[in-house]
Amino acid sequence: MFSYALLEPGCYYLIQEEANSPITLIHISVVSDYCVYVCKYGTEEILEWKKKTDPIHDIIELLSDNVVKDWEAAYNSTQDTYDYEEDED
């Protein structure tokens, strides 16, 4: 079992918060003495503070800069599609 204390600011990680839960992409934005500010990417972005002691079942991967760049391109093109579909109504 891991915790948020192991995660570095400015980095993107693939994690599972609980056993058998879906894989989640997170970005660590800010680290304070006791907490981290996390952006979770899924069907919607969720911004939240987590205690450094909060458990993480598995840290699957620290994403490289190249993978983050590829993901951002895919994510932004998906967001543009959703924005276009909403404008049609």
Protein backbone atom coordinates (compact mmCIF):
# COMPACT_ATOMS: atom_id res chain seq x y z
CA MET A 1 0.00 0.00 0.00
CA PHE A 2 1.27 3.46 -0.93
CA SER A 3 0.29 7.01 0.05
CA TYR A 4 0.10 10.42 -1.59
CA ALA A 5 3.28 11.42 0.26
CA LEU A 6 5.31 9.50 -2.35
CA LEU A 7 4.04 11.61 -5.28
CA GLU A 8 6.04 14.55 -6.64
CA PRO A 9 4.58 17.94 -7.65
CA GLY A 10 4.27 18.58 -11.36
CA CYS A 11 4.13 14.87 -12.19
CA TYR A 12 1.40 12.75 -13.77
CA TYR A 13 0.69 9.28 -12.41
CA LEU A 14 -1.56 6.36 -13.23
CA ILE A 15 -2.91 5.01 -9.94
CA GLN A 16 -5.55 2.77 -8.41
CA GLU A 17 -6.87 4.23 -5.17
CA GLU A 18 -8.47 0.95 -4.13
CA ALA A 19 -8.02 -2.67 -5.18
CA ASN A 20 -10.01 -3.45 -8.34
CA SER A 21 -10.91 0.21 -8.87
CA PRO A 22 -10.46 1.79 -12.31
CA ILE A 23 -7.09 3.22 -13.25
CA THR A 24 -7.05 6.99 -12.74
CA LEU A 25 -4.73 9.60 -14.22
CA ILE A 26 -3.74 12.24 -11.67
CA HIS A 27 -1.54 15.32 -11.68
CA ILE A 28 0.03 16.60 -8.47
CA SER A 29 -0.24 20.40 -8.58
CA VAL A 30 0.74 21.55 -5.10
CA VAL A 31 2.38 19.92 -2.09
CA SER A 32 2.04 21.42 1.39
CA ASP A 33 3.39 20.13 4.69
CA TYR A 34 0.47 17.72 5.21
CA CYS A 35 -1.52 17.60 1.95
CA VAL A 36 -1.31 17.45 -1.83
CA TYR A 37 -3.58 19.17 -4.34
CA VAL A 38 -4.59 16.60 -6.94
CA CYS A 39 -6.26 16.92 -10.33
CA LYS A 40 -7.98 13.68 -11.35
CA TYR A 41 -8.80 13.13 -15.00
CA GLY A 42 -11.72 10.94 -15.94
CA THR A 43 -15.06 11.69 -17.51
CA GLU A 44 -14.62 15.07 -15.81
CA GLU A 45 -11.76 16.82 -14.03
CA ILE A 46 -11.86 16.68 -10.24
CA LEU A 47 -9.64 19.00 -8.21
CA GLU A 48 -9.21 18.07 -4.56
CA TRP A 49 -6.90 18.13 -1.57
CA LYS A 50 -5.69 14.78 -0.24
CA LYS A 51 -3.82 14.10 2.98
CA LYS A 52 -0.32 12.82 2.36
CA THR A 53 -1.26 9.85 4.54
CA ASP A 54 -4.32 8.91 2.42
CA PRO A 55 -3.79 5.43 0.98
CA ILE A 56 -3.22 4.52 -2.66
CA HIS A 57 -3.58 0.84 -3.48
CA ASP A 58 -1.14 0.97 -6.42
CA ILE A 59 1.01 3.55 -8.18
CA ILE A 60 1.07 1.95 -11.59
CA GLU A 61 3.26 4.39 -13.46
CA LEU A 62 4.89 7.80 -13.43
CA LEU A 63 4.22 9.11 -16.93
CA SER A 64 7.11 10.39 -19.03
CA ASP A 65 6.96 13.83 -20.67
CA ASN A 66 6.37 12.23 -24.09
CA VAL A 67 3.42 10.18 -22.83
CA VAL A 68 1.93 13.27 -21.14
CA LYS A 69 2.27 15.22 -24.38
CA ASP A 70 0.50 12.44 -26.32
CA TRP A 71 -2.22 12.20 -23.67
CA GLU A 72 -2.76 16.00 -23.68
CA ALA A 73 -3.22 15.97 -27.46
CA ALA A 74 -5.76 13.13 -27.23
CA TYR A 75 -7.54 14.69 -24.22
CA ASN A 76 -7.77 18.13 -25.84
CA SER A 77 -9.13 16.72 -29.11
CA THR A 78 -11.79 14.82 -27.12
CA GLN A 79 -12.69 17.99 -25.21
CA ASP A 80 -12.99 19.92 -28.49
CA THR A 81 -15.40 17.25 -29.78
CA TYR A 82 -17.57 17.55 -26.66
CA ASP A 83 -17.56 21.35 -26.90
CA TYR A 84 -18.61 21.18 -30.57
CA GLU A 85 -21.44 18.74 -29.81
CA GLU A 86 -22.74 20.98 -27.01
CA ASP A 87 -22.72 24.02 -29.34
CA GLU A 88 -24.96 22.23 -31.85
CA ASP A 89 -27.92 22.23 -29.43
